Amino acid sequence: MEKLTHSELHRLVGRPTPELQERVETTITEVIFNLQDKLGKSITPPAIEYDLKGRTAGWAIGGHTIRLNIDLLYTNTEQMLNQTVPHEVCHIAQHQLYPHSKSHGREWQHLMRLLGLTPNRCHQYEVQTQRKHDRPHTYKCTNPHCGYSYKITRGMHAKIKMGSKRVCGKCRGPLVELPEVQ
């Protein structure tokens, strides 16, 4: 078995390395200080969670929490620190200072521009996720006169592994899983 690096191990368990966590916290502190200095208003630092998955890079919850995608943080560290984290901090500040404003409205755009950033709503990071409707398991009818094959979802595959019986839709013959082709 291949040995994991310190970074890979942290990523696997969904936590940043202490060094990366410190960089995220430093970025948040610097952005808040910069906004407070330019606005003359106080902003309460948010809690940070590293539990987002899929395509979402970051998400601000109310005026109190920032959630970050640990996978994207590891694969796009500099962009996340320079764009996504400030983007989410601006949402935190927006919610605290202008609680009735729109999520990506004028106030949020103003805060982004105060930081010298373009107020983009979406990131352009390469995301390595499998779509929910992908069908990664192939089953084949064992009837020699049929041999029809099926792509089965992960959920259906799990049910079959737990004892659920599935038969061929053409001939009612038993199905067997084909080995995954690499």
Protein backbone atom coordinates (compact mmCIF):
# COMPACT_ATOMS: atom_id res chain seq x y z
CA MET A 1 0.00 0.00 0.00
CA GLU A 2 1.28 3.44 -0.95
CA LYS A 3 2.14 5.69 2.00
CA LEU A 4 0.16 8.93 2.21
CA THR A 5 1.83 12.29 2.70
CA HIS A 6 0.91 14.44 5.70
CA SER A 7 -1.20 16.68 3.42
CA GLU A 8 -2.97 13.74 1.77
CA LEU A 9 -3.82 12.24 5.16
CA HIS A 10 -5.33 15.50 6.42
CA ARG A 11 -7.32 15.89 3.20
CA LEU A 12 -8.59 12.33 3.52
CA VAL A 13 -9.99 13.01 6.98
CA GLY A 14 -11.50 16.32 5.86
CA ARG A 15 -9.25 18.67 7.80
CA PRO A 16 -6.58 21.04 6.57
CA THR A 17 -3.03 20.67 7.82
CA PRO A 18 -2.27 23.04 10.71
CA GLU A 19 -0.25 25.21 8.29
CA LEU A 20 -3.10 25.45 5.78
CA GLN A 21 -5.65 26.11 8.52
CA GLU A 22 -3.42 28.94 9.78
CA ARG A 23 -3.25 30.41 6.26
CA VAL A 24 -7.06 30.35 5.99
CA GLU A 25 -7.44 32.00 9.41
CA THR A 26 -4.79 34.61 8.57
CA THR A 27 -6.54 35.42 5.29
CA ILE A 28 -9.88 35.85 7.09
CA THR A 29 -8.29 38.09 9.72
CA GLU A 30 -6.56 40.24 7.09
CA VAL A 31 -9.75 40.63 5.02
CA ILE A 32 -11.79 41.57 8.10
CA PHE A 33 -9.12 44.07 9.22
CA ASN A 34 -9.01 45.57 5.72
CA LEU A 35 -12.81 45.94 5.55
CA GLN A 36 -13.03 47.37 9.08
CA ASP A 37 -10.30 49.87 8.26
CA LYS A 38 -12.05 51.02 5.07
CA LEU A 39 -15.59 51.02 6.50
CA GLY A 40 -14.91 52.17 10.05
CA LYS A 41 -17.26 49.42 11.31
CA SER A 42 -16.69 46.31 13.39
CA ILE A 43 -17.03 42.81 11.87
CA THR A 44 -17.17 39.69 14.04
CA PRO A 45 -14.90 36.89 12.75
CA PRO A 46 -16.76 33.78 11.60
CA ALA A 47 -16.35 30.15 12.62
CA ILE A 48 -14.73 28.02 9.91
CA GLU A 49 -15.85 24.55 8.85
CA TYR A 50 -14.24 22.35 6.20
CA ASP A 51 -17.20 20.16 5.32
CA LEU A 52 -18.38 21.20 1.85
CA LYS A 53 -18.30 18.62 -0.92
CA GLY A 54 -18.89 18.61 -4.64
CA ARG A 55 -18.79 21.75 -6.77
CA THR A 56 -19.34 24.39 -4.07
CA ALA A 57 -16.05 26.02 -3.07
CA GLY A 58 -17.33 28.08 -0.14
CA TRP A 59 -20.52 29.07 1.60
CA ALA A 60 -21.24 31.73 4.19
CA ILE A 61 -24.00 30.90 6.64
CA GLY A 62 -25.63 34.00 8.04
CA GLY A 63 -23.10 36.34 9.58
CA HIS A 64 -21.37 33.69 11.63
CA THR A 65 -19.89 30.69 9.73
CA ILE A 66 -17.84 30.01 6.62
CA ARG A 67 -17.88 26.50 5.17
CA LEU A 68 -15.07 25.53 2.78
CA ASN A 69 -14.59 22.61 0.41
CA ILE A 70 -11.50 20.81 1.69
CA ASP A 71 -10.82 19.11 -1.66
CA LEU A 72 -10.88 22.40 -3.57
CA LEU A 73 -8.83 24.04 -0.82
CA TYR A 74 -6.07 21.47 -1.39
CA THR A 75 -6.23 21.47 -5.19
CA ASN A 76 -6.67 25.26 -5.65
CA THR A 77 -5.03 26.65 -2.50
CA GLU A 78 -3.89 30.03 -3.79
CA GLN A 79 -7.13 30.79 -5.67
CA MET A 80 -9.20 29.74 -2.65
CA LEU A 81 -7.15 31.99 -0.35
CA ASN A 82 -7.11 34.93 -2.77
CA GLN A 83 -10.68 34.80 -4.09
CA THR A 84 -13.03 32.31 -2.40
CA VAL A 85 -12.17 33.06 1.23
CA PRO A 86 -12.45 36.87 0.73
CA HIS A 87 -15.70 36.26 -1.24
CA GLU A 88 -17.17 34.41 1.75
CA VAL A 89 -15.84 36.94 4.28
CA CYS A 90 -17.62 39.65 2.27
CA HIS A 91 -20.85 37.66 2.69
CA ILE A 92 -20.23 37.50 6.44
CA ALA A 93 -19.58 41.26 6.57
CA GLN A 94 -22.58 41.93 4.31
CA HIS A 95 -24.88 39.93 6.59
CA GLN A 96 -23.58 41.69 9.71
CA LEU A 97 -23.60 45.21 8.25
CA TYR A 98 -26.48 45.06 5.74
CA PRO A 99 -28.70 42.18 6.96
CA HIS A 100 -31.52 42.77 4.47
CA SER A 101 -29.41 43.00 1.32
CA LYS A 102 -29.32 40.46 -1.53
CA SER A 103 -26.68 37.72 -1.43
CA HIS A 104 -24.63 38.97 -4.42
CA GLY A 105 -26.21 42.40 -4.54
CA ARG A 106 -24.81 45.94 -4.47
CA GLU A 107 -23.56 45.82 -0.90
CA TRP A 108 -21.63 42.56 -1.36
CA GLN A 109 -20.20 43.82 -4.68
CA HIS A 110 -19.11 47.04 -2.94
CA LEU A 111 -17.30 45.04 -0.23
CA MET A 112 -15.51 42.94 -2.86
CA ARG A 113 -14.41 46.06 -4.74
CA LEU A 114 -13.13 47.61 -1.49
CA LEU A 115 -10.74 44.64 -1.36
CA GLY A 116 -9.71 45.21 -4.98
CA LEU A 117 -11.45 42.00 -6.11
CA THR A 118 -13.83 41.36 -8.97
CA PRO A 119 -17.24 40.47 -7.54
CA ASN A 120 -17.68 37.13 -9.34
CA ARG A 121 -20.40 34.79 -8.12
CA CYS A 122 -18.88 31.51 -9.29
CA HIS A 123 -15.44 29.94 -9.31
CA GLN A 124 -13.76 28.32 -12.31
CA TYR A 125 -12.00 25.50 -10.44
CA GLU A 126 -11.70 22.05 -12.00
CA VAL A 127 -13.99 19.82 -9.95
CA GLN A 128 -13.45 16.05 -9.84
CA THR A 129 -16.88 14.85 -8.76
CA GLN A 130 -18.96 12.00 -10.01
CA ARG A 131 -22.45 12.99 -11.03
CA LYS A 132 -25.25 11.39 -9.03
CA HIS A 133 -26.74 9.76 -12.09
CA ASP A 134 -23.48 8.10 -13.15
CA ARG A 135 -23.87 4.34 -13.27
CA PRO A 136 -20.50 2.88 -12.35
CA HIS A 137 -21.48 -0.82 -11.99
CA THR A 138 -22.13 -3.10 -14.95
CA TYR A 139 -24.23 -6.27 -14.62
CA LYS A 140 -24.80 -8.87 -17.32
CA CYS A 141 -27.50 -11.47 -17.81
CA THR A 142 -26.07 -14.98 -17.34
CA ASN A 143 -28.53 -16.55 -19.79
CA PRO A 144 -26.32 -17.61 -22.76
CA HIS A 145 -29.16 -16.84 -25.20
CA CYS A 146 -29.55 -13.29 -23.88
CA GLY A 147 -26.34 -11.79 -22.45
CA TYR A 148 -27.91 -8.31 -22.13
CA SER A 149 -25.88 -5.92 -19.93
CA TYR A 150 -27.07 -3.16 -17.60
CA LYS A 151 -25.46 -0.12 -16.01
CA ILE A 152 -26.53 -0.10 -12.36
CA THR A 153 -26.47 2.90 -9.99
CA ARG A 154 -24.41 2.83 -6.79
CA GLY A 155 -27.61 2.67 -4.76
CA MET A 156 -28.99 -0.30 -6.66
CA HIS A 157 -25.59 -2.01 -6.51
CA ALA A 158 -25.60 -1.60 -2.71
CA LYS A 159 -29.08 -3.15 -2.51
CA ILE A 160 -27.97 -6.12 -4.61
CA LYS A 161 -24.94 -6.60 -2.35
CA MET A 162 -27.29 -6.64 0.65
CA GLY A 163 -29.35 -9.44 -0.89
CA SER A 164 -31.89 -7.76 -3.15
CA LYS A 165 -32.55 -9.95 -6.20
CA ARG A 166 -32.55 -8.42 -9.67
CA VAL A 167 -33.23 -10.26 -12.91
CA CYS A 168 -32.82 -9.43 -16.58
CA GLY A 169 -35.65 -7.31 -17.91
CA LYS A 170 -35.60 -9.17 -21.25
CA CYS A 171 -35.46 -12.86 -20.28
CA ARG A 172 -35.76 -12.87 -16.45
CA GLY A 173 -32.35 -14.58 -16.20
CA PRO A 174 -30.06 -13.95 -13.21
CA LEU A 175 -27.64 -11.01 -13.34
CA VAL A 176 -23.96 -11.07 -12.41
CA GLU A 177 -21.67 -8.09 -11.85
CA LEU A 178 -18.91 -7.62 -14.42
CA PRO A 179 -15.47 -6.60 -13.16
CA GLU A 180 -14.70 -2.88 -13.38
CA VAL A 181 -12.54 -1.99 -16.38
CA GLN A 182 -9.67 0.34 -15.46
